Amino acid sequence: MKQIKISGTFLDEITYDIPSQNWGQAEWDRDFQAMKTFGIDTVILIRCGLRQWISYPSAILREKQRAFEPSLDLVEMFLKLSEKYEFEFYFGIYDSGAYWVSGDYEKEIDINRKVIDEAWHRYGKSPAFKGWYLCHEITRRKGSIIDMFASLGKHCKGVSGGLPVLISPAIEGIKAVSQYSSEIEAQTRISPEEHEKEWGEIFAGISGAVDIVAFQDGHVDFHELPEFLHINKTLAKKYGLRCWTNSETFDRDMPIKFLPINWEKLSLKLQASAEAKIDKAITFEFSHFLSPNSCYAQAHGLFKKYCQHYGIDHTSLSG
């Protein structure tokens, strides 16, 4: 059976629709050790801030967005842990939760340019700082999303000497429903042909500004996933992007949002990614849904099943 191992994960701070685990330095160090054993080599900060909640003491966001002072500089901590465990760290930019959502893309671009400059000045000397993540999750070509991605990607690369830029969009499939609803199926969905057309247009507009695309793999049905993965890989190759997959380790097939996924489902998705010759598998996300340290007991079992399948010795880890 062809499969691809998960070698990267998002770090879900600031949390949005799953609970914070309220970890400090010791707990995060323990989890980075588990990631290392698991085979992780890349960590991606999901976002440095959302609305007024921020992951580092940003003077820009406190002044411009009235952000709250964080009790811990998570970015500094994650970079130090990344250096310790030899991970590559990608910095996730800011999501206003307002400007781009309402169509004011210029305001979203303006505040993020300042955040990018500030972040690079504060943290760019860390040897673990290896790239950027544009955190705005989209499914289709809407509004001025191409201009926003192109502008922010170029700015990231400009200040950092060309470090790679990652995006992780979704597919507007049957499971693309609101987390605030108990529904598990959408009323409408995009066809493979529409997806290919729209993302061809998006890739053409962001090529040179964005280097890596990692589509979320949980929004389409399992039998549909291979076709979409092949489309994603073909389009990425055509426009010079690396094609990763964001293999979601939470379940979208139940009204409870969100719990760790069944191993059989995850295995099936990883097999499909391998068959599509995807370059790398990352996940949203290890610490909640895969970790032996997770607040979800189901994640402990998923971790063990994954390790057993791939022959990973995890006996040195507690939990």
C-alpha atoms as a PDB file:
ATOM      1  CA  MET A   1       0.000   0.000   0.000  1.00  0.00           C
ATOM      2  CA  LYS A   2       1.417   3.356  -1.049  1.00  0.00           C
ATOM      3  CA  GLN A   3       1.459   5.971   1.678  1.00  0.00           C
ATOM      4  CA  ILE A   4       3.165   9.204   2.616  1.00  0.00           C
ATOM      5  CA  LYS A   5       4.237  10.047   6.137  1.00  0.00           C
ATOM      6  CA  ILE A   6       3.132  13.201   7.912  1.00  0.00           C
ATOM      7  CA  SER A   7       6.244  15.337   8.403  1.00  0.00           C
ATOM      8  CA  GLY A   8       4.799  18.744   9.239  1.00  0.00           C
ATOM      9  CA  THR A   9       2.130  20.221  11.462  1.00  0.00           C
ATOM     10  CA  PHE A  10       0.397  23.474  12.174  1.00  0.00           C
ATOM     11  CA  LEU A  11       0.749  24.971  15.644  1.00  0.00           C
ATOM     12  CA  ASP A  12      -2.753  26.081  16.530  1.00  0.00           C
ATOM     13  CA  GLU A  13      -2.158  29.311  18.374  1.00  0.00           C
ATOM     14  CA  ILE A  14      -4.113  31.518  18.278  1.00  0.00           C
ATOM     15  CA  THR A  15      -6.917  28.917  18.577  1.00  0.00           C
ATOM     16  CA  TYR A  16     -10.142  29.584  16.688  1.00  0.00           C
ATOM     17  CA  ASP A  17     -12.644  26.719  16.693  1.00  0.00           C
ATOM     18  CA  ILE A  18     -10.965  24.124  18.905  1.00  0.00           C
ATOM     19  CA  PRO A  19     -10.120  24.621  22.593  1.00  0.00           C
ATOM     20  CA  SER A  20      -6.812  25.910  23.862  1.00  0.00           C
ATOM     21  CA  GLN A  21      -4.873  23.323  25.853  1.00  0.00           C
ATOM     22  CA  ASN A  22      -3.380  26.110  27.987  1.00  0.00           C
ATOM     23  CA  TRP A  23       0.130  24.743  27.691  1.00  0.00           C
ATOM     24  CA  GLY A  24       3.273  26.473  28.895  1.00  0.00           C
ATOM     25  CA  GLN A  25       6.959  25.948  28.092  1.00  0.00           C
ATOM     26  CA  ALA A  26       7.229  22.499  29.686  1.00  0.00           C
ATOM     27  CA  GLU A  27       4.133  21.099  27.975  1.00  0.00           C
ATOM     28  CA  TRP A  28       5.145  22.431  24.569  1.00  0.00           C
ATOM     29  CA  ASP A  29       8.676  21.048  24.974  1.00  0.00           C
ATOM     30  CA  ARG A  30       7.184  17.663  25.746  1.00  0.00           C
ATOM     31  CA  ASP A  31       5.009  17.840  22.653  1.00  0.00           C
ATOM     32  CA  PHE A  32       7.859  18.927  20.375  1.00  0.00           C
ATOM     33  CA  GLN A  33       9.735  15.845  21.626  1.00  0.00           C
ATOM     34  CA  ALA A  34       6.722  13.725  20.625  1.00  0.00           C
ATOM     35  CA  MET A  35       6.647  15.434  17.215  1.00  0.00           C
ATOM     36  CA  LYS A  36      10.331  14.615  16.700  1.00  0.00           C
ATOM     37  CA  THR A  37       9.736  10.951  17.514  1.00  0.00           C
ATOM     38  CA  PHE A  38       6.717  10.940  15.201  1.00  0.00           C
ATOM     39  CA  GLY A  39       8.758  12.231  12.250  1.00  0.00           C
ATOM     40  CA  ILE A  40       7.875  15.933  12.164  1.00  0.00           C
ATOM     41  CA  ASP A  41      10.469  18.267  10.666  1.00  0.00           C
ATOM     42  CA  THR A  42       8.321  21.326   9.872  1.00  0.00           C
ATOM     43  CA  VAL A  43       6.040  23.402  12.107  1.00  0.00           C
ATOM     44  CA  ILE A  44       3.750  26.174  10.880  1.00  0.00           C
ATOM     45  CA  LEU A  45       2.265  28.826  13.170  1.00  0.00           C
ATOM     46  CA  ILE A  46      -1.392  28.850  12.082  1.00  0.00           C
ATOM     47  CA  ARG A  47      -1.592  32.627  12.616  1.00  0.00           C
ATOM     48  CA  CYS A  48       0.273  35.170  14.731  1.00  0.00           C
ATOM     49  CA  GLY A  49      -2.999  36.786  15.673  1.00  0.00           C
ATOM     50  CA  LEU A  50      -6.742  36.765  15.140  1.00  0.00           C
ATOM     51  CA  ARG A  51      -8.735  39.918  15.822  1.00  0.00           C
ATOM     52  CA  GLN A  52      -7.510  41.091  19.260  1.00  0.00           C
ATOM     53  CA  TRP A  53      -5.742  37.876  20.294  1.00  0.00           C
ATOM     54  CA  ILE A  54      -2.048  37.669  19.477  1.00  0.00           C
ATOM     55  CA  SER A  55       0.799  35.191  19.953  1.00  0.00           C
ATOM     56  CA  TYR A  56       3.627  37.680  20.519  1.00  0.00           C
ATOM     57  CA  PRO A  57       3.810  41.214  21.980  1.00  0.00           C
ATOM     58  CA  SER A  58       3.187  43.043  18.721  1.00  0.00           C
ATOM     59  CA  ALA A  59       3.414  46.820  19.046  1.00  0.00           C
ATOM     60  CA  ILE A  60       1.743  47.136  15.644  1.00  0.00           C
ATOM     61  CA  LEU A  61      -1.292  45.028  16.544  1.00  0.00           C
ATOM     62  CA  ARG A  62      -1.668  46.556  19.980  1.00  0.00           C
ATOM     63  CA  GLU A  63      -1.704  50.030  18.453  1.00  0.00           C
ATOM     64  CA  LYS A  64      -3.654  49.411  15.241  1.00  0.00           C
ATOM     65  CA  GLN A  65      -5.992  46.576  16.289  1.00  0.00           C
ATOM     66  CA  ARG A  66      -6.272  47.161  20.049  1.00  0.00           C
ATOM     67  CA  ALA A  67      -4.844  43.671  20.593  1.00  0.00           C
ATOM     68  CA  PHE A  68      -4.432  42.277  24.086  1.00  0.00           C
ATOM     69  CA  GLU A  69      -0.974  41.823  25.575  1.00  0.00           C
ATOM     70  CA  PRO A  70      -0.124  38.075  25.552  1.00  0.00           C
ATOM     71  CA  SER A  71       1.173  36.482  28.734  1.00  0.00           C
ATOM     72  CA  LEU A  72       3.795  34.501  26.800  1.00  0.00           C
ATOM     73  CA  ASP A  73       5.732  35.177  23.592  1.00  0.00           C
ATOM     74  CA  LEU A  74       4.704  32.007  21.789  1.00  0.00           C
ATOM     75  CA  VAL A  75       6.648  32.852  18.638  1.00  0.00           C
ATOM     76  CA  GLU A  76       9.906  33.161  20.558  1.00  0.00           C
ATOM     77  CA  MET A  77       9.161  29.923  22.418  1.00  0.00           C
ATOM     78  CA  PHE A  78       8.269  28.019  19.230  1.00  0.00           C
ATOM     79  CA  LEU A  79      11.435  29.238  17.502  1.00  0.00           C
ATOM     80  CA  LYS A  80      13.629  28.158  20.415  1.00  0.00           C
ATOM     81  CA  LEU A  81      11.949  24.749  20.486  1.00  0.00           C
ATOM     82  CA  SER A  82      12.333  24.501  16.707  1.00  0.00           C
ATOM     83  CA  GLU A  83      16.041  25.210  17.069  1.00  0.00           C
ATOM     84  CA  LYS A  84      16.324  22.596  19.849  1.00  0.00           C
ATOM     85  CA  TYR A  85      14.574  19.863  17.863  1.00  0.00           C
ATOM     86  CA  GLU A  86      15.914  20.959  14.449  1.00  0.00           C
ATOM     87  CA  PHE A  87      12.544  21.869  12.917  1.00  0.00           C
ATOM     88  CA  GLU A  88      11.851  24.377  10.176  1.00  0.00           C
ATOM     89  CA  PHE A  89       9.458  27.071  11.394  1.00  0.00           C
ATOM     90  CA  TYR A  90       6.986  28.938   9.171  1.00  0.00           C
ATOM     91  CA  PHE A  91       5.517  32.171  10.531  1.00  0.00           C
ATOM     92  CA  GLY A  92       1.757  32.548  10.071  1.00  0.00           C
ATOM     93  CA  ILE A  93       0.697  36.138   9.451  1.00  0.00           C
ATOM     94  CA  TYR A  94      -2.260  38.048  10.942  1.00  0.00           C
ATOM     95  CA  ASP A  95      -5.968  37.518  10.287  1.00  0.00           C
ATOM     96  CA  SER A  96      -8.077  40.560  11.151  1.00  0.00           C
ATOM     97  CA  GLY A  97     -11.241  38.484  10.940  1.00  0.00           C
ATOM     98  CA  ALA A  98     -12.838  41.615   9.513  1.00  0.00           C
ATOM     99  CA  TYR A  99     -11.192  43.531   6.683  1.00  0.00           C
ATOM    100  CA  TRP A 100     -10.724  40.861   4.036  1.00  0.00           C
ATOM    101  CA  VAL A 101     -13.957  39.134   5.102  1.00  0.00           C
ATOM    102  CA  SER A 102     -15.915  42.302   4.331  1.00  0.00           C
ATOM    103  CA  GLY A 103     -14.021  42.927   1.085  1.00  0.00           C
ATOM    104  CA  ASP A 104     -11.563  45.551   2.342  1.00  0.00           C
ATOM    105  CA  TYR A 105      -8.491  43.739   1.066  1.00  0.00           C
ATOM    106  CA  GLU A 106      -6.275  46.834   1.097  1.00  0.00           C
ATOM    107  CA  LYS A 107      -6.655  47.206   4.872  1.00  0.00           C
ATOM    108  CA  GLU A 108      -5.787  43.527   5.349  1.00  0.00           C
ATOM    109  CA  ILE A 109      -2.709  43.959   3.177  1.00  0.00           C
ATOM    110  CA  ASP A 110      -1.640  47.162   4.909  1.00  0.00           C
ATOM    111  CA  ILE A 111      -1.791  45.819   8.473  1.00  0.00           C
ATOM    112  CA  ASN A 112      -0.048  42.606   7.459  1.00  0.00           C
ATOM    113  CA  ARG A 113       2.809  44.363   5.717  1.00  0.00           C
ATOM    114  CA  LYS A 114       3.550  46.084   9.020  1.00  0.00           C
ATOM    115  CA  VAL A 115       3.245  42.781  10.925  1.00  0.00           C
ATOM    116  CA  ILE A 116       5.573  41.024   8.469  1.00  0.00           C
ATOM    117  CA  ASP A 117       8.197  43.758   8.876  1.00  0.00           C
ATOM    118  CA  GLU A 118       7.878  43.633  12.657  1.00  0.00           C
ATOM    119  CA  ALA A 119       8.066  39.839  12.837  1.00  0.00           C
ATOM    120  CA  TRP A 120      11.137  39.654  10.618  1.00  0.00           C
ATOM    121  CA  HIS A 121      12.867  42.361  12.680  1.00  0.00           C
ATOM    122  CA  ARG A 122      12.096  40.503  15.932  1.00  0.00           C
ATOM    123  CA  TYR A 123      12.638  36.904  14.881  1.00  0.00           C
ATOM    124  CA  GLY A 124      14.373  36.792  11.502  1.00  0.00           C
ATOM    125  CA  LYS A 125      17.786  36.022  13.006  1.00  0.00           C
ATOM    126  CA  SER A 126      16.598  32.650  14.303  1.00  0.00           C
ATOM    127  CA  PRO A 127      18.123  29.828  12.228  1.00  0.00           C
ATOM    128  CA  ALA A 128      14.810  27.978  12.516  1.00  0.00           C
ATOM    129  CA  PHE A 129      12.848  30.738  10.720  1.00  0.00           C
ATOM    130  CA  LYS A 130      12.500  29.126   7.292  1.00  0.00           C
ATOM    131  CA  GLY A 131       9.342  30.520   5.721  1.00  0.00           C
ATOM    132  CA  TRP A 132       5.976  32.251   5.853  1.00  0.00           C
ATOM    133  CA  TYR A 133       2.364  31.124   5.947  1.00  0.00           C
ATOM    134  CA  LEU A 134      -0.443  33.262   4.516  1.00  0.00           C
ATOM    135  CA  CYS A 135      -3.165  32.278   6.957  1.00  0.00           C
ATOM    136  CA  HIS A 136      -6.259  33.448   5.067  1.00  0.00           C
ATOM    137  CA  GLU A 137      -8.159  30.264   4.164  1.00  0.00           C
ATOM    138  CA  ILE A 138     -10.107  30.393   0.916  1.00  0.00           C
ATOM    139  CA  THR A 139     -11.922  27.893  -1.272  1.00  0.00           C
ATOM    140  CA  ARG A 140     -12.479  29.733  -4.553  1.00  0.00           C
ATOM    141  CA  ARG A 141     -11.546  32.793  -6.564  1.00  0.00           C
ATOM    142  CA  LYS A 142     -13.524  35.502  -4.815  1.00  0.00           C
ATOM    143  CA  GLY A 143     -12.985  39.236  -4.446  1.00  0.00           C
ATOM    144  CA  SER A 144      -9.385  40.419  -4.642  1.00  0.00           C
ATOM    145  CA  ILE A 145      -7.894  37.311  -3.077  1.00  0.00           C
ATOM    146  CA  ILE A 146      -5.316  36.938  -5.868  1.00  0.00           C
ATOM    147  CA  ASP A 147      -4.069  40.480  -5.371  1.00  0.00           C
ATOM    148  CA  MET A 148      -3.905  39.994  -1.600  1.00  0.00           C
ATOM    149  CA  PHE A 149      -1.919  36.756  -1.794  1.00  0.00           C
ATOM    150  CA  ALA A 150       0.385  38.123  -4.487  1.00  0.00           C
ATOM    151  CA  SER A 151       1.054  41.337  -2.571  1.00  0.00           C
ATOM    152  CA  LEU A 152       1.643  39.688   0.809  1.00  0.00           C
ATOM    153  CA  GLY A 153       3.690  36.835  -0.640  1.00  0.00           C
ATOM    154  CA  LYS A 154       5.991  39.244  -2.453  1.00  0.00           C
ATOM    155  CA  HIS A 155       6.371  41.336   0.699  1.00  0.00           C
ATOM    156  CA  CYS A 156       7.286  38.261   2.774  1.00  0.00           C
ATOM    157  CA  LYS A 157       9.881  37.212   0.230  1.00  0.00           C
ATOM    158  CA  GLY A 158      11.195  40.751  -0.143  1.00  0.00           C
ATOM    159  CA  VAL A 159      11.973  41.324   3.541  1.00  0.00           C
ATOM    160  CA  SER A 160      13.413  37.844   4.154  1.00  0.00           C
ATOM    161  CA  GLY A 161      15.625  37.338   1.132  1.00  0.00           C
ATOM    162  CA  GLY A 162      13.231  35.040  -0.679  1.00  0.00           C
ATOM    163  CA  LEU A 163      12.134  32.587   2.033  1.00  0.00           C
ATOM    164  CA  PRO A 164       9.301  30.339   0.774  1.00  0.00           C
ATOM    165  CA  VAL A 165       5.644  31.255   1.198  1.00  0.00           C
ATOM    166  CA  LEU A 166       2.942  28.661   1.936  1.00  0.00           C
ATOM    167  CA  ILE A 167      -0.855  28.746   1.598  1.00  0.00           C
ATOM    168  CA  SER A 168      -3.355  26.094   2.716  1.00  0.00           C
ATOM    169  CA  PRO A 169      -6.700  26.613   0.968  1.00  0.00           C
ATOM    170  CA  ALA A 170      -9.762  24.395   1.159  1.00  0.00           C
ATOM    171  CA  ILE A 171     -11.870  22.740  -1.521  1.00  0.00           C
ATOM    172  CA  GLU A 172     -15.514  23.807  -1.606  1.00  0.00           C
ATOM    173  CA  GLY A 173     -16.781  20.239  -1.401  1.00  0.00           C
ATOM    174  CA  ILE A 174     -19.632  18.385   0.253  1.00  0.00           C
ATOM    175  CA  LYS A 175     -18.089  18.757   3.735  1.00  0.00           C
ATOM    176  CA  ALA A 176     -17.423  22.501   3.471  1.00  0.00           C
ATOM    177  CA  VAL A 177     -19.966  23.446   6.129  1.00  0.00           C
ATOM    178  CA  SER A 178     -19.804  25.945   8.962  1.00  0.00           C
ATOM    179  CA  GLN A 179     -18.273  24.777  12.222  1.00  0.00           C
ATOM    180  CA  TYR A 180     -21.200  26.484  13.939  1.00  0.00           C
ATOM    181  CA  SER A 181     -23.700  24.095  12.334  1.00  0.00           C
ATOM    182  CA  SER A 182     -24.458  20.494  13.238  1.00  0.00           C
ATOM    183  CA  GLU A 183     -24.866  19.745   9.526  1.00  0.00           C
ATOM    184  CA  ILE A 184     -22.195  17.560   7.938  1.00  0.00           C
ATOM    185  CA  GLU A 185     -23.093  18.030   4.256  1.00  0.00           C
ATOM    186  CA  ALA A 186     -23.197  21.239   2.224  1.00  0.00           C
ATOM    187  CA  GLN A 187     -26.120  22.009  -0.069  1.00  0.00           C
ATOM    188  CA  THR A 188     -23.828  22.922  -2.965  1.00  0.00           C
ATOM    189  CA  ARG A 189     -20.358  21.846  -3.956  1.00  0.00           C
ATOM    190  CA  ILE A 190     -17.761  22.670  -6.572  1.00  0.00           C
ATOM    191  CA  SER A 191     -17.171  20.285  -9.469  1.00  0.00           C
ATOM    192  CA  PRO A 192     -13.646  19.092 -10.294  1.00  0.00           C
ATOM    193  CA  GLU A 193     -13.822  21.059 -13.544  1.00  0.00           C
ATOM    194  CA  GLU A 194     -14.772  24.299 -11.738  1.00  0.00           C
ATOM    195  CA  HIS A 195     -12.067  23.711  -9.147  1.00  0.00           C
ATOM    196  CA  GLU A 196      -9.437  23.205 -11.836  1.00  0.00           C
ATOM    197  CA  LYS A 197     -10.488  26.342 -13.720  1.00  0.00           C
ATOM    198  CA  GLU A 198     -10.620  28.661 -10.717  1.00  0.00           C
ATOM    199  CA  TRP A 199      -7.413  27.429  -9.124  1.00  0.00           C
ATOM    200  CA  GLY A 200      -5.617  27.614 -12.441  1.00  0.00           C
ATOM    201  CA  GLU A 201      -6.539  31.304 -12.502  1.00  0.00           C
ATOM    202  CA  ILE A 202      -5.445  31.771  -8.880  1.00  0.00           C
ATOM    203  CA  PHE A 203      -2.116  30.002  -9.385  1.00  0.00           C
ATOM    204  CA  ALA A 204      -1.421  32.041 -12.503  1.00  0.00           C
ATOM    205  CA  GLY A 205      -1.905  35.204 -10.440  1.00  0.00           C
ATOM    206  CA  ILE A 206       0.195  34.202  -7.417  1.00  0.00           C
ATOM    207  CA  SER A 207       3.022  32.319  -9.138  1.00  0.00           C
ATOM    208  CA  GLY A 208       6.301  33.851  -8.029  1.00  0.00           C
ATOM    209  CA  ALA A 209       4.766  35.212  -4.820  1.00  0.00           C
ATOM    210  CA  VAL A 210       3.667  31.874  -3.342  1.00  0.00           C
ATOM    211  CA  ASP A 211       5.896  28.796  -3.433  1.00  0.00           C
ATOM    212  CA  ILE A 212       3.898  26.025  -1.762  1.00  0.00           C
ATOM    213  CA  VAL A 213       0.227  25.052  -1.753  1.00  0.00           C
ATOM    214  CA  ALA A 214      -1.141  22.539   0.763  1.00  0.00           C
ATOM    215  CA  PHE A 215      -4.841  21.993   0.107  1.00  0.00           C
ATOM    216  CA  GLN A 216      -6.885  20.834   3.094  1.00  0.00           C
ATOM    217  CA  ASP A 217      -8.046  17.298   2.318  1.00  0.00           C
ATOM    218  CA  GLY A 218     -11.157  17.020   4.484  1.00  0.00           C
ATOM    219  CA  HIS A 219     -13.791  18.951   2.553  1.00  0.00           C
ATOM    220  CA  VAL A 220     -14.537  16.377  -0.153  1.00  0.00           C
ATOM    221  CA  ASP A 221     -15.820  12.828   0.145  1.00  0.00           C
ATOM    222  CA  PHE A 222     -13.235  10.062   0.312  1.00  0.00           C
ATOM    223  CA  HIS A 223     -14.026   8.648  -3.131  1.00  0.00           C
ATOM    224  CA  GLU A 224     -13.658  12.153  -4.638  1.00  0.00           C
ATOM    225  CA  LEU A 225     -10.315  12.952  -3.023  1.00  0.00           C
ATOM    226  CA  PRO A 226      -7.992  11.171  -5.523  1.00  0.00           C
ATOM    227  CA  GLU A 227      -9.336  13.214  -8.442  1.00  0.00           C
ATOM    228  CA  PHE A 228      -8.929  16.524  -6.604  1.00  0.00           C
ATOM    229  CA  LEU A 229      -5.430  15.572  -5.437  1.00  0.00           C
ATOM    230  CA  HIS A 230      -4.379  14.836  -9.017  1.00  0.00           C
ATOM    231  CA  ILE A 231      -5.820  18.167 -10.184  1.00  0.00           C
ATOM    232  CA  ASN A 232      -3.969  20.003  -7.407  1.00  0.00           C
ATOM    233  CA  LYS A 233      -0.672  18.299  -8.220  1.00  0.00           C
ATOM    234  CA  THR A 234      -1.007  18.940 -11.969  1.00  0.00           C
ATOM    235  CA  LEU A 235      -1.895  22.617 -11.501  1.00  0.00           C
ATOM    236  CA  ALA A 236       0.887  23.206  -8.985  1.00  0.00           C
ATOM    237  CA  LYS A 237       3.458  21.683 -11.324  1.00  0.00           C
ATOM    238  CA  LYS A 238       2.186  23.784 -14.245  1.00  0.00           C
ATOM    239  CA  TYR A 239       2.575  27.045 -12.317  1.00  0.00           C
ATOM    240  CA  GLY A 240       5.816  26.205 -10.528  1.00  0.00           C
ATOM    241  CA  LEU A 241       4.456  25.579  -7.022  1.00  0.00           C
ATOM    242  CA  ARG A 242       5.355  22.743  -4.680  1.00  0.00           C
ATOM    243  CA  CYS A 243       2.293  20.643  -3.881  1.00  0.00           C
ATOM    244  CA  TRP A 244       1.848  19.491  -0.293  1.00  0.00           C
ATOM    245  CA  THR A 245      -1.293  18.119   1.314  1.00  0.00           C
ATOM    246  CA  ASN A 246      -2.817  19.306   4.587  1.00  0.00           C
ATOM    247  CA  SER A 247      -4.110  15.969   5.819  1.00  0.00           C
ATOM    248  CA  GLU A 248      -6.657  16.877   8.453  1.00  0.00           C
ATOM    249  CA  THR A 249      -6.491  14.657  11.522  1.00  0.00           C
ATOM    250  CA  PHE A 250      -9.942  15.615  12.775  1.00  0.00           C
ATOM    251  CA  ASP A 251     -13.250  14.175  11.622  1.00  0.00           C
ATOM    252  CA  ARG A 252     -15.760  16.137   9.530  1.00  0.00           C
ATOM    253  CA  ASP A 253     -18.266  13.259   9.310  1.00  0.00           C
ATOM    254  CA  MET A 254     -20.044  13.846  12.609  1.00  0.00           C
ATOM    255  CA  PRO A 255     -22.036  16.767  14.042  1.00  0.00           C
ATOM    256  CA  ILE A 256     -19.559  17.184  16.925  1.00  0.00           C
ATOM    257  CA  LYS A 257     -16.898  19.611  15.699  1.00  0.00           C
ATOM    258  CA  PHE A 258     -14.140  18.569  16.003  1.00  0.00           C
ATOM    259  CA  LEU A 259     -12.772  15.246  17.296  1.00  0.00           C
ATOM    260  CA  PRO A 260      -9.757  13.137  16.251  1.00  0.00           C
ATOM    261  CA  ILE A 261     -10.282  11.178  13.041  1.00  0.00           C
ATOM    262  CA  ASN A 262     -10.518   7.405  12.746  1.00  0.00           C
ATOM    263  CA  TRP A 263      -7.200   5.814  11.706  1.00  0.00           C
ATOM    264  CA  GLU A 264      -8.817   4.063   8.731  1.00  0.00           C
ATOM    265  CA  LYS A 265      -9.892   7.410   7.285  1.00  0.00           C
ATOM    266  CA  LEU A 266      -6.498   9.018   7.807  1.00  0.00           C
ATOM    267  CA  SER A 267      -4.759   6.013   6.250  1.00  0.00           C
ATOM    268  CA  LEU A 268      -7.028   6.198   3.206  1.00  0.00           C
ATOM    269  CA  LYS A 269      -6.260   9.906   2.706  1.00  0.00           C
ATOM    270  CA  LEU A 270      -2.523   9.390   3.031  1.00  0.00           C
ATOM    271  CA  GLN A 271      -2.652   6.548   0.529  1.00  0.00           C
ATOM    272  CA  ALA A 272      -4.468   8.784  -1.971  1.00  0.00           C
ATOM    273  CA  SER A 273      -1.841  11.511  -1.456  1.00  0.00           C
ATOM    274  CA  ALA A 274       0.974   9.066  -2.113  1.00  0.00           C
ATOM    275  CA  GLU A 275      -0.692   7.826  -5.287  1.00  0.00           C
ATOM    276  CA  ALA A 276      -1.045  11.433  -6.500  1.00  0.00           C
ATOM    277  CA  LYS A 277       2.704  11.899  -5.844  1.00  0.00           C
ATOM    278  CA  ILE A 278       2.161  14.750  -3.410  1.00  0.00           C
ATOM    279  CA  ASP A 279       5.505  16.221  -2.285  1.00  0.00           C
ATOM    280  CA  LYS A 280       4.914  16.389   1.473  1.00  0.00           C
ATOM    281  CA  ALA A 281       2.144  15.791   4.005  1.00  0.00           C
ATOM    282  CA  ILE A 282       1.474  18.234   6.808  1.00  0.00           C
ATOM    283  CA  THR A 283      -1.482  18.145   9.173  1.00  0.00           C
ATOM    284  CA  PHE A 284      -3.907  20.250  11.101  1.00  0.00           C
ATOM    285  CA  GLU A 285      -2.878  19.363  13.587  1.00  0.00           C
ATOM    286  CA  PHE A 286      -0.633  17.215  15.716  1.00  0.00           C
ATOM    287  CA  SER A 287      -0.997  18.639  19.223  1.00  0.00           C
ATOM    288  CA  HIS A 288      -4.780  18.306  19.487  1.00  0.00           C
ATOM    289  CA  PHE A 289      -5.598  15.371  17.227  1.00  0.00           C
ATOM    290  CA  LEU A 290      -2.490  13.148  17.050  1.00  0.00           C
ATOM    291  CA  SER A 291      -0.426  13.785  20.136  1.00  0.00           C
ATOM    292  CA  PRO A 292      -0.024  11.400  23.089  1.00  0.00           C
ATOM    293  CA  ASN A 293      -0.242  14.591  25.168  1.00  0.00           C
ATOM    294  CA  SER A 294      -3.539  15.827  23.701  1.00  0.00           C
ATOM    295  CA  CYS A 295      -6.546  16.806  25.796  1.00  0.00           C
ATOM    296  CA  TYR A 296      -8.486  14.358  23.581  1.00  0.00           C
ATOM    297  CA  ALA A 297      -8.058  10.740  24.700  1.00  0.00           C
ATOM    298  CA  GLN A 298      -8.906   9.603  21.160  1.00  0.00           C
ATOM    299  CA  ALA A 299      -5.730  11.293  19.878  1.00  0.00           C
ATOM    300  CA  HIS A 300      -3.597   9.002  22.044  1.00  0.00           C
ATOM    301  CA  GLY A 301      -5.017   5.978  20.255  1.00  0.00           C
ATOM    302  CA  LEU A 302      -4.533   7.557  16.830  1.00  0.00           C
ATOM    303  CA  PHE A 303      -0.907   8.312  17.681  1.00  0.00           C
ATOM    304  CA  LYS A 304      -0.298   4.693  18.677  1.00  0.00           C
ATOM    305  CA  LYS A 305      -2.005   3.284  15.578  1.00  0.00           C
ATOM    306  CA  TYR A 306      -0.013   5.589  13.300  1.00  0.00           C
ATOM    307  CA  CYS A 307       3.267   4.663  15.020  1.00  0.00           C
ATOM    308  CA  GLN A 308       2.460   0.953  14.858  1.00  0.00           C
ATOM    309  CA  HIS A 309       1.646   1.204  11.146  1.00  0.00           C
ATOM    310  CA  TYR A 310       4.911   2.966  10.312  1.00  0.00           C
ATOM    311  CA  GLY A 311       7.072   1.047  12.779  1.00  0.00           C
ATOM    312  CA  ILE A 312       7.862   4.108  14.922  1.00  0.00           C
ATOM    313  CA  ASP A 313       9.251   3.329  18.368  1.00  0.00           C
ATOM    314  CA  HIS A 314       7.400   5.605  20.772  1.00  0.00           C
ATOM    315  CA  THR A 315       8.083   3.699  23.974  1.00  0.00           C
ATOM    316  CA  SER A 316      10.305   6.507  25.304  1.00  0.00           C
ATOM    317  CA  LEU A 317       7.305   8.846  25.397  1.00  0.00           C
ATOM    318  CA  SER A 318       4.876   8.928  28.304  1.00  0.00           C
ATOM    319  CA  GLY A 319       1.145   9.453  27.765  1.00  0.00           C
END
